[in-house]
Amino acid sequence: MLFHSVDFWAFFALVVTLHFLLPHAARWVLLLLASYFFYMSWNAAYLILILLSTGVDYVVGLRMAATSAQRARRRLLAVSLTANLGLLFVFKYWGFFGSNVNALAGLLGMGEVVPRLDVLLPVGISFYTFQTLSYTIDLYRGVIGPERHLGRFALYVAFFPQLVAGPIERARAFLPQIPVAKRFDYDRMCSGLQLMLWGLFKKVVIADRLALYVDAVYGNVPQHSAASYLLATYAFAFQIYCDFSGYSDLAIGGARVLGFDLMKNFSRPFLSMNVLEFWRRWHISLSTWLRDYLYYSLGRGDNWVIMRNLTITMFLGGLWHGASWSFVLWGLLHGVLLAASASTLAARDGIYRRLGVPSWLRRTIAVVITFHLIAITWIFFRAESIGDVWTIFAAFAQPWGEPFIDSGRTLLHASWGLSVLAVAHLVQERHGSGRALIGKQPLPVRWGIWYFLMFSIVLFGVDSGSQFIYFQF
């Protein structure tokens, strides 16, 4: 059940209606059942995995709260880590691990060492696994207390707006919201629906339109030229941003309508002045999760330790995204870029000051360079194999040829949406919240803006029903 489908909007309208008609004490039951139904619309059998993860971490939480013995608490944390990461490994990484081990065994003249396991990747498993792990780790660290209400804890794990692709919520932020009585708030509902509309615009007008071009090039790499690769790579940069931030807007907006606040997941990342800033603006719920539960756990030290920790963190962050060497290399490359950015930041600032570069020009140069560095790394992320990656980079050293231009108006329509996106981001950068600024305008202007977005979705949106990119992670 995709967020940009008619089925979802009918489902969402029903849930919202029942949510505010039911007494507060029964609402968690409705939301939990709705969340399980939502997840079962993809594959009912995999609901077992969510129930298992929920049950393990709920019991671990209660047992951890019942003892102060550090050794026992460590064992309980190990149970949670083993159960959750074990499920993630089996369903997401077993095939990747097995194929590489068997390939190595073949080179050594051995037969198949690791048996094959033919399973589908459960939607959202990486997201809800990290979410439940943050709960048990925070319990172990003494940051939060245990949630003793099983139903509320289950809702925290499975809350449908952010279940399959985040934001990755922290228990200390979400669980306290569940018992709070929520009255119907017209302004809050309008704000949530407007954010959902903006997310829908980014998904179907920009991301899905660009996908038509990107898929045509990256889906048949040997048949294209360097000019096509470059154009498709830039298109993919905006595709993945609009696809994933569009999902986040839909999730955050949907939760807001229901009376819940989810964390912000994107903050105009392509306006970043360096790679460090990019990761503070991009997929914020994941980057802060990796920082809090992985990077800090690797220890503190001098610049070499910082660079080592950044590289290890992003290596594992790349592996989190997908079980392939392309994602591993993408993560390592970002780790190197982060380490280089952190170690040279002061020197670069000094060079700009000595040259007397104006602040506006300095920012422009930094943003352009950072965007191009990030865009190049997307080649590893989007390519379907390492072979395709090398083919693309090798083509850049050859005559570039003519770029592939499809027969339709894919890029023209996408450019329309990108222009709206650029204006919106620049307005936000200068004036803060775009919705707050719109709210200050006369009523005809406010409604004109929202109708403009709706008509753009109808006229320029792609009605293909394509799933969100991050659903595969």
Protein backbone atom coordinates (compact mmCIF):
# COMPACT_ATOMS: atom_id res chain seq x y z
CA MET A 1 0.00 0.00 0.00
CA LEU A 2 1.97 2.96 -1.31
CA PHE A 3 1.54 6.47 0.08
CA HIS A 4 0.75 7.84 -3.38
CA SER A 5 -1.96 5.28 -4.13
CA VAL A 6 -5.73 5.68 -3.91
CA ASP A 7 -5.85 2.68 -1.56
CA PHE A 8 -3.61 4.41 0.98
CA TRP A 9 -5.57 7.65 0.98
CA ALA A 10 -8.82 5.76 1.54
CA PHE A 11 -7.15 3.76 4.32
CA PHE A 12 -5.68 6.91 5.87
CA ALA A 13 -9.00 8.78 5.78
CA LEU A 14 -10.73 5.86 7.52
CA VAL A 15 -8.05 5.58 10.20
CA VAL A 16 -8.08 9.33 10.91
CA THR A 17 -11.88 9.38 11.15
CA LEU A 18 -12.04 6.41 13.51
CA HIS A 19 -9.09 7.73 15.50
CA PHE A 20 -10.91 10.90 16.51
CA LEU A 21 -14.31 9.19 16.95
CA LEU A 22 -12.98 6.57 19.37
CA PRO A 23 -12.33 7.34 23.03
CA HIS A 24 -8.69 8.04 23.80
CA ALA A 25 -8.18 4.74 25.67
CA ALA A 26 -8.99 2.74 22.54
CA ARG A 27 -6.95 4.71 20.03
CA TRP A 28 -3.69 2.86 20.50
CA VAL A 29 -5.54 -0.36 19.64
CA LEU A 30 -6.87 1.14 16.40
CA LEU A 31 -3.47 2.51 15.40
CA LEU A 32 -1.70 -0.76 16.19
CA LEU A 33 -4.19 -2.84 14.20
CA ALA A 34 -4.07 -0.32 11.35
CA SER A 35 -0.27 -0.46 11.37
CA TYR A 36 -0.25 -4.26 11.22
CA PHE A 37 -2.82 -4.24 8.43
CA PHE A 38 -0.74 -1.66 6.55
CA TYR A 39 2.37 -3.83 6.80
CA MET A 40 0.51 -7.03 5.90
CA SER A 41 -0.62 -5.42 2.64
CA TRP A 42 2.91 -6.18 1.35
CA ASN A 43 3.49 -9.62 2.82
CA ALA A 44 1.36 -10.91 5.67
CA ALA A 45 3.89 -13.57 6.68
CA TYR A 46 6.58 -11.05 7.51
CA LEU A 47 4.44 -9.54 10.24
CA ILE A 48 5.88 -12.40 12.31
CA LEU A 49 9.29 -10.69 12.18
CA ILE A 50 7.91 -7.45 13.61
CA LEU A 51 6.06 -9.36 16.33
CA LEU A 52 9.23 -11.29 17.18
CA SER A 53 11.37 -8.17 17.34
CA THR A 54 8.71 -6.42 19.44
CA GLY A 55 8.40 -9.33 21.85
CA VAL A 56 12.14 -9.78 22.35
CA ASP A 57 12.84 -6.12 23.05
CA TYR A 58 9.79 -5.71 25.27
CA VAL A 59 10.89 -8.60 27.49
CA VAL A 60 14.53 -7.46 27.40
CA GLY A 61 13.41 -4.00 28.51
CA LEU A 62 11.46 -5.33 31.49
CA ARG A 63 14.27 -7.69 32.54
CA MET A 64 16.88 -4.96 32.16
CA ALA A 65 14.87 -2.64 34.37
CA ALA A 66 14.55 -5.36 37.00
CA THR A 67 18.30 -5.71 37.59
CA SER A 68 21.14 -3.35 38.36
CA ALA A 69 23.85 -5.95 37.79
CA GLN A 70 25.95 -4.69 34.91
CA ARG A 71 26.88 -8.18 33.75
CA ALA A 72 23.23 -9.23 33.52
CA ARG A 73 22.36 -6.02 31.68
CA ARG A 74 25.12 -6.66 29.16
CA ARG A 75 23.77 -10.16 28.55
CA LEU A 76 20.29 -8.78 27.97
CA LEU A 77 21.63 -6.18 25.56
CA ALA A 78 23.47 -8.98 23.75
CA VAL A 79 20.18 -10.89 23.44
CA SER A 80 18.52 -7.87 21.81
CA LEU A 81 21.46 -7.24 19.47
CA THR A 82 21.70 -10.90 18.50
CA ALA A 83 17.99 -11.33 17.87
CA ASN A 84 17.49 -8.13 15.87
CA LEU A 85 20.75 -8.13 13.92
CA GLY A 86 20.41 -11.89 13.43
CA LEU A 87 17.05 -11.46 11.69
CA LEU A 88 18.45 -8.59 9.65
CA PHE A 89 21.44 -10.68 8.61
CA VAL A 90 19.39 -13.71 7.59
CA PHE A 91 16.83 -11.81 5.54
CA LYS A 92 19.03 -9.06 4.11
CA TYR A 93 22.65 -10.17 4.07
CA TRP A 94 22.67 -13.96 3.93
CA GLY A 95 22.60 -14.03 0.13
CA PHE A 96 25.39 -11.45 -0.17
CA PHE A 97 27.52 -13.23 2.43
CA GLY A 98 26.88 -16.66 0.96
CA SER A 99 27.58 -15.70 -2.64
CA ASN A 100 30.92 -14.11 -1.72
CA VAL A 101 32.01 -17.01 0.48
CA ASN A 102 31.01 -19.52 -2.21
CA ALA A 103 32.84 -17.50 -4.87
CA LEU A 104 35.99 -17.58 -2.73
CA ALA A 105 35.51 -21.29 -2.10
CA GLY A 106 35.23 -21.83 -5.85
CA LEU A 107 38.57 -20.11 -6.42
CA LEU A 108 40.08 -22.52 -3.89
CA GLY A 109 38.62 -25.50 -5.71
CA MET A 110 35.93 -26.17 -3.13
CA GLY A 111 32.22 -26.70 -3.63
CA GLU A 112 29.38 -24.62 -2.27
CA VAL A 113 30.11 -23.85 1.39
CA VAL A 114 27.15 -21.67 2.37
CA PRO A 115 23.67 -22.95 1.46
CA ARG A 116 21.38 -20.64 -0.43
CA LEU A 117 18.37 -19.17 1.30
CA ASP A 118 15.59 -18.07 -1.02
CA VAL A 119 13.74 -15.35 0.91
CA LEU A 120 12.34 -11.96 0.01
CA LEU A 121 13.66 -8.85 1.75
CA PRO A 122 10.98 -7.76 4.23
CA VAL A 123 9.91 -4.16 3.61
CA GLY A 124 11.28 -1.74 6.21
CA ILE A 125 13.29 -4.32 8.19
CA SER A 126 16.36 -2.07 8.39
CA PHE A 127 14.28 0.79 9.78
CA TYR A 128 12.30 -0.96 12.49
CA THR A 129 15.37 -2.99 13.50
CA PHE A 130 17.36 0.19 14.19
CA GLN A 131 14.34 1.67 15.95
CA THR A 132 13.96 -1.21 18.40
CA LEU A 133 17.72 -1.36 18.96
CA SER A 134 17.78 2.32 19.92
CA TYR A 135 15.24 1.46 22.65
CA THR A 136 17.29 -1.33 24.23
CA ILE A 137 20.58 0.57 23.93
CA ASP A 138 19.05 3.64 25.56
CA LEU A 139 17.69 1.41 28.33
CA TYR A 140 21.13 -0.10 28.84
CA ARG A 141 22.70 3.35 29.03
CA GLY A 142 20.07 4.54 31.50
CA VAL A 143 18.77 7.24 29.16
CA ILE A 144 15.16 6.02 29.40
CA GLY A 145 13.06 3.73 31.52
CA PRO A 146 11.20 0.64 30.27
CA GLU A 147 7.82 0.80 28.56
CA ARG A 148 5.63 -1.57 30.58
CA HIS A 149 2.56 -1.30 28.34
CA LEU A 150 3.04 -3.93 25.63
CA GLY A 151 0.50 -2.35 23.28
CA ARG A 152 2.17 1.05 23.40
CA PHE A 153 5.59 -0.45 22.83
CA ALA A 154 4.23 -2.45 19.88
CA LEU A 155 2.78 0.75 18.42
CA TYR A 156 6.17 2.46 18.77
CA VAL A 157 7.75 -0.32 16.71
CA ALA A 158 5.04 -0.54 14.05
CA PHE A 159 3.49 2.96 13.74
CA PHE A 160 2.41 2.85 10.10
CA PRO A 161 3.31 6.37 8.82
CA GLN A 162 7.03 5.74 9.42
CA LEU A 163 7.17 1.93 9.61
CA VAL A 164 8.69 1.07 6.26
CA ALA A 165 11.11 3.95 5.59
CA GLY A 166 11.43 6.09 8.69
CA PRO A 167 12.16 8.54 10.13
CA ILE A 168 13.86 6.22 12.63
CA GLU A 169 12.21 7.41 15.82
CA ARG A 170 13.69 7.27 19.32
CA ALA A 171 11.61 5.74 22.08
CA ARG A 172 12.21 8.71 24.38
CA ALA A 173 10.57 11.01 21.81
CA PHE A 174 7.69 8.82 20.61
CA LEU A 175 6.51 6.71 23.56
CA PRO A 176 5.53 9.68 25.78
CA GLN A 177 3.22 10.92 23.02
CA ILE A 178 1.02 7.79 23.00
CA PRO A 179 -0.78 8.23 26.36
CA VAL A 180 -1.40 11.94 25.78
CA ALA A 181 -5.04 12.60 24.88
CA LYS A 182 -5.33 14.17 21.43
CA ARG A 183 -8.23 16.36 20.44
CA PHE A 184 -9.08 17.10 16.84
CA ASP A 185 -7.11 20.19 15.84
CA TYR A 186 -8.13 21.79 12.53
CA ASP A 187 -4.93 23.83 12.16
CA ARG A 188 -2.78 20.79 12.90
CA MET A 189 -4.73 18.70 10.39
CA CYS A 190 -4.31 21.37 7.69
CA SER A 191 -0.59 21.63 8.44
CA GLY A 192 -0.18 17.86 8.21
CA LEU A 193 -2.16 17.56 4.98
CA GLN A 194 -0.20 20.43 3.42
CA LEU A 195 3.07 18.68 4.25
CA MET A 196 1.70 15.46 2.76
CA LEU A 197 0.71 17.36 -0.38
CA TRP A 198 4.23 18.76 -0.68
CA GLY A 199 5.67 15.27 -0.23
CA LEU A 200 3.33 13.90 -2.88
CA PHE A 201 4.42 16.67 -5.27
CA LYS A 202 8.08 15.83 -4.77
CA LYS A 203 7.44 12.10 -5.29
CA VAL A 204 5.18 11.97 -8.36
CA VAL A 205 6.07 15.23 -10.16
CA ILE A 206 9.85 15.20 -9.68
CA ALA A 207 11.15 11.82 -8.46
CA ASP A 208 8.97 9.53 -10.55
CA ARG A 209 9.37 11.76 -13.62
CA LEU A 210 13.18 11.73 -13.30
CA ALA A 211 13.08 7.97 -12.69
CA LEU A 212 11.90 7.42 -16.27
CA TYR A 213 15.16 8.90 -17.55
CA VAL A 214 17.46 7.53 -14.85
CA ASP A 215 16.15 3.98 -15.24
CA ALA A 216 16.54 4.13 -19.02
CA VAL A 217 20.26 4.99 -18.67
CA TYR A 218 21.31 3.04 -15.59
CA GLY A 219 19.20 0.06 -16.62
CA ASN A 220 21.19 -0.34 -19.83
CA VAL A 221 24.63 1.12 -19.10
CA PRO A 222 26.61 -0.37 -22.03
CA GLN A 223 24.34 1.33 -24.57
CA HIS A 224 24.91 4.90 -23.40
CA SER A 225 27.62 7.55 -23.47
CA ALA A 226 29.40 9.60 -20.79
CA ALA A 227 27.10 12.56 -21.45
CA SER A 228 24.09 10.38 -20.71
CA TYR A 229 25.71 8.99 -17.55
CA LEU A 230 26.42 12.48 -16.28
CA LEU A 231 22.91 13.72 -16.99
CA ALA A 232 21.36 10.61 -15.43
CA THR A 233 23.60 10.92 -12.36
CA TYR A 234 22.53 14.50 -11.70
CA ALA A 235 18.93 13.48 -12.34
CA PHE A 236 19.29 10.64 -9.83
CA ALA A 237 20.64 13.01 -7.18
CA PHE A 238 17.38 14.95 -7.32
CA GLN A 239 15.31 11.81 -7.83
CA ILE A 240 16.50 10.13 -4.64
CA TYR A 241 16.23 13.35 -2.65
CA CYS A 242 12.66 14.05 -3.78
CA ASP A 243 11.69 10.39 -3.45
CA PHE A 244 12.99 9.93 0.09
CA SER A 245 12.29 13.41 1.46
CA GLY A 246 8.86 13.16 -0.19
CA TYR A 247 8.21 9.94 1.75
CA SER A 248 9.44 11.61 4.95
CA ASP A 249 7.07 14.55 4.37
CA LEU A 250 4.18 12.15 3.86
CA ALA A 251 5.10 10.22 7.01
CA ILE A 252 5.62 13.29 9.19
CA GLY A 253 2.50 14.97 7.81
CA GLY A 254 0.36 11.86 8.29
CA ALA A 255 1.58 11.47 11.87
CA ARG A 256 0.85 15.16 12.50
CA VAL A 257 -2.77 14.72 11.38
CA LEU A 258 -3.08 11.90 13.93
CA GLY A 259 -1.58 14.08 16.66
CA PHE A 260 1.99 12.73 16.69
CA ASP A 261 5.26 14.56 16.05
CA LEU A 262 8.04 12.76 14.18
CA MET A 263 11.57 14.03 13.84
CA LYS A 264 12.67 16.06 10.83
CA ASN A 265 14.54 13.89 8.34
CA PHE A 266 15.82 16.36 5.71
CA SER A 267 16.92 19.98 5.79
CA ARG A 268 17.80 21.16 2.26
CA PRO A 269 20.90 18.92 2.00
CA PHE A 270 22.02 20.11 -1.46
CA LEU A 271 22.67 23.57 0.01
CA SER A 272 25.39 22.12 2.28
CA MET A 273 28.82 23.75 2.28
CA ASN A 274 30.73 20.53 3.04
CA VAL A 275 30.17 16.79 3.39
CA LEU A 276 29.94 17.03 7.18
CA GLU A 277 27.10 19.51 6.84
CA PHE A 278 25.47 17.32 4.17
CA TRP A 279 25.16 14.44 6.62
CA ARG A 280 23.69 16.78 9.20
CA ARG A 281 20.99 17.64 6.68
CA TRP A 282 20.47 14.30 4.86
CA HIS A 283 18.53 11.36 6.36
CA ILE A 284 18.94 12.98 9.76
CA SER A 285 17.31 10.12 11.68
CA LEU A 286 19.88 7.64 10.30
CA SER A 287 22.92 9.90 10.53
CA THR A 288 22.16 10.78 14.16
CA TRP A 289 21.49 7.08 14.92
CA LEU A 290 24.89 6.12 13.50
CA ARG A 291 26.50 8.98 15.44
CA ASP A 292 24.88 8.16 18.78
CA TYR A 293 25.04 4.36 18.73
CA LEU A 294 28.05 3.58 16.56
CA TYR A 295 30.43 6.52 16.08
CA TYR A 296 30.56 7.49 19.77
CA SER A 297 30.95 3.84 20.76
CA LEU A 298 34.20 3.60 18.78
CA GLY A 299 35.96 5.91 21.24
CA ARG A 300 37.37 9.41 21.27
CA GLY A 301 40.87 10.53 20.32
CA ASP A 302 43.03 12.58 17.98
CA ASN A 303 42.39 13.33 14.31
CA TRP A 304 43.42 9.84 13.23
CA VAL A 305 40.89 8.29 15.58
CA ILE A 306 38.19 10.65 14.29
CA MET A 307 38.98 9.76 10.68
CA ARG A 308 39.01 6.05 11.53
CA ASN A 309 35.67 6.28 13.30
CA LEU A 310 34.09 8.23 10.44
CA THR A 311 35.30 5.67 7.90
CA ILE A 312 34.07 2.68 9.93
CA THR A 313 30.73 4.34 10.63
CA MET A 314 30.06 5.15 6.99
CA PHE A 315 31.27 1.73 5.84
CA LEU A 316 28.59 0.15 8.04
CA GLY A 317 26.14 2.87 6.98
CA GLY A 318 26.71 1.88 3.37
CA LEU A 319 26.18 -1.78 4.21
CA TRP A 320 22.96 -0.85 6.03
CA HIS A 321 21.64 0.56 2.76
CA GLY A 322 22.10 -2.64 0.80
CA ALA A 323 23.81 -6.00 0.59
CA SER A 324 26.17 -5.34 -2.33
CA TRP A 325 29.70 -4.12 -2.92
CA SER A 326 28.34 -1.00 -4.61
CA PHE A 327 26.78 0.13 -1.34
CA VAL A 328 29.90 -0.83 0.61
CA LEU A 329 32.07 1.29 -1.68
CA TRP A 330 29.54 4.13 -1.52
CA GLY A 331 29.71 4.07 2.27
CA LEU A 332 33.52 3.89 2.32
CA LEU A 333 33.75 6.77 -0.13
CA HIS A 334 31.55 8.90 2.11
CA GLY A 335 33.65 7.89 5.09
CA VAL A 336 36.77 9.10 3.29
CA LEU A 337 35.05 12.33 2.24
CA LEU A 338 33.85 12.96 5.79
CA ALA A 339 37.32 12.32 7.19
CA ALA A 340 38.90 14.60 4.59
CA SER A 341 36.30 17.30 5.20
CA ALA A 342 36.79 17.19 8.97
CA SER A 343 40.59 17.26 8.78
CA THR A 344 40.85 20.09 6.21
CA LEU A 345 37.99 22.33 7.34
CA ALA A 346 40.18 24.76 9.30
CA ALA A 347 42.78 24.93 6.52
CA ARG A 348 40.14 25.69 3.90
CA ASP A 349 38.65 28.43 6.07
CA GLY A 350 42.11 29.96 6.43
CA ILE A 351 42.68 29.96 2.66
CA TYR A 352 39.37 31.73 2.04
CA ARG A 353 40.21 34.36 4.67
CA ARG A 354 43.70 35.01 3.29
CA LEU A 355 42.33 35.39 -0.23
CA GLY A 356 39.63 37.76 0.99
CA VAL A 357 36.83 35.80 -0.65
CA PRO A 358 33.41 37.36 0.16
CA SER A 359 31.16 35.17 2.31
CA TRP A 360 28.46 34.87 -0.38
CA LEU A 361 31.00 33.71 -2.98
CA ARG A 362 32.64 31.36 -0.52
CA ARG A 363 29.27 29.79 0.27
CA THR A 364 28.41 29.46 -3.42
CA ILE A 365 31.73 27.79 -4.25
CA ALA A 366 31.44 25.44 -1.26
CA VAL A 367 27.86 24.45 -2.11
CA VAL A 368 28.71 23.76 -5.78
CA ILE A 369 31.77 21.67 -4.91
CA THR A 370 29.92 19.70 -2.23
CA PHE A 371 26.97 18.99 -4.50
CA HIS A 372 29.25 17.65 -7.23
CA LEU A 373 31.15 15.44 -4.79
CA ILE A 374 27.89 14.01 -3.49
CA ALA A 375 26.51 13.55 -7.01
CA ILE A 376 29.56 11.54 -8.09
CA THR A 377 29.14 9.16 -5.16
CA TRP A 378 25.55 8.46 -6.25
CA ILE A 379 27.01 6.49 -9.19
CA PHE A 380 28.01 3.75 -6.74
CA PHE A 381 24.60 3.93 -5.07
CA ARG A 382 22.51 3.71 -8.25
CA ALA A 383 24.58 1.41 -10.46
CA GLU A 384 23.26 -2.13 -10.62
CA SER A 385 26.72 -3.70 -10.36
CA ILE A 386 30.36 -2.84 -9.79
CA GLY A 387 30.92 -3.58 -13.47
CA ASP A 388 28.50 -0.80 -14.40
CA VAL A 389 30.35 1.58 -12.07
CA TRP A 390 33.67 0.95 -13.83
CA THR A 391 32.01 1.23 -17.24
CA ILE A 392 30.63 4.65 -16.33
CA PHE A 393 33.91 6.01 -14.96
CA ALA A 394 35.86 4.59 -17.91
CA ALA A 395 33.46 6.37 -20.29
CA PHE A 396 34.31 9.73 -18.71
CA ALA A 397 37.84 9.36 -20.07
CA GLN A 398 36.56 8.74 -23.62
CA PRO A 399 34.83 11.04 -26.15
CA TRP A 400 31.57 11.96 -24.50
CA GLY A 401 29.18 11.69 -27.45
CA GLU A 402 25.61 12.96 -27.47
CA PRO A 403 23.39 12.64 -24.39
CA PHE A 404 20.40 10.35 -24.59
CA ILE A 405 17.16 12.34 -24.80
CA ASP A 406 13.96 10.34 -24.57
CA SER A 407 11.10 10.94 -26.97
CA GLY A 408 8.76 12.22 -24.28
CA ARG A 409 9.01 15.35 -22.19
CA THR A 410 10.36 13.64 -19.10
CA LEU A 411 13.14 16.09 -18.27
CA LEU A 412 11.01 19.10 -19.25
CA HIS A 413 8.24 18.12 -16.85
CA ALA A 414 10.75 17.26 -14.14
CA SER A 415 12.43 20.64 -14.62
CA TRP A 416 9.11 22.29 -13.85
CA GLY A 417 8.96 20.49 -10.51
CA LEU A 418 12.64 21.14 -9.79
CA SER A 419 12.10 24.86 -10.36
CA VAL A 420 9.31 24.88 -7.78
CA LEU A 421 11.54 22.90 -5.39
CA ALA A 422 14.46 25.31 -5.85
CA VAL A 423 12.28 28.36 -5.19
CA ALA A 424 10.80 26.70 -2.10
CA HIS A 425 14.23 25.83 -0.70
CA LEU A 426 15.65 29.28 -1.33
CA VAL A 427 12.63 30.87 0.36
CA GLN A 428 13.07 28.55 3.35
CA GLU A 429 16.79 29.29 3.52
CA ARG A 430 16.11 33.04 3.72
CA HIS A 431 12.80 33.24 5.59
CA GLY A 432 12.56 30.01 7.62
CA SER A 433 9.52 27.73 7.48
CA GLY A 434 7.80 27.90 4.11
CA ARG A 435 4.43 26.96 5.60
CA ALA A 436 4.71 29.74 8.18
CA LEU A 437 5.47 32.22 5.41
CA ILE A 438 2.55 30.97 3.33
CA GLY A 439 0.30 31.25 6.39
CA LYS A 440 0.95 34.99 6.50
CA GLN A 441 -0.34 35.51 2.97
CA PRO A 442 -3.93 36.51 2.08
CA LEU A 443 -6.40 33.64 1.85
CA PRO A 444 -6.58 33.62 -2.01
CA VAL A 445 -2.77 33.40 -2.20
CA ARG A 446 -2.63 30.54 0.32
CA TRP A 447 -5.27 28.50 -1.45
CA GLY A 448 -3.71 29.37 -4.81
CA ILE A 449 -0.41 27.82 -3.74
CA TRP A 450 -1.98 24.56 -2.57
CA TYR A 451 -4.21 24.30 -5.65
CA PHE A 452 -1.13 24.94 -7.78
CA LEU A 453 0.56 21.93 -6.18
CA MET A 454 -2.55 19.76 -6.64
CA PHE A 455 -2.93 20.67 -10.32
CA SER A 456 0.80 20.08 -10.86
CA ILE A 457 0.42 16.59 -9.42
CA VAL A 458 -2.50 15.88 -11.73
CA LEU A 459 -0.94 17.42 -14.87
CA PHE A 460 2.74 16.49 -14.48
CA GLY A 461 2.77 13.59 -12.03
CA VAL A 462 3.62 10.06 -13.09
CA ASP A 463 0.80 7.64 -12.36
CA SER A 464 2.99 4.55 -12.37
CA GLY A 465 2.57 3.44 -8.78
CA SER A 466 6.34 3.04 -8.40
CA GLN A 467 7.46 2.26 -4.87
CA PHE A 468 9.72 4.51 -2.87
CA ILE A 469 13.44 3.89 -3.33
CA TYR A 470 14.13 3.36 0.36
CA PHE A 471 11.50 0.63 0.62
CA GLN A 472 14.20 -1.76 -0.67
CA PHE A 473 16.38 -1.05 2.36
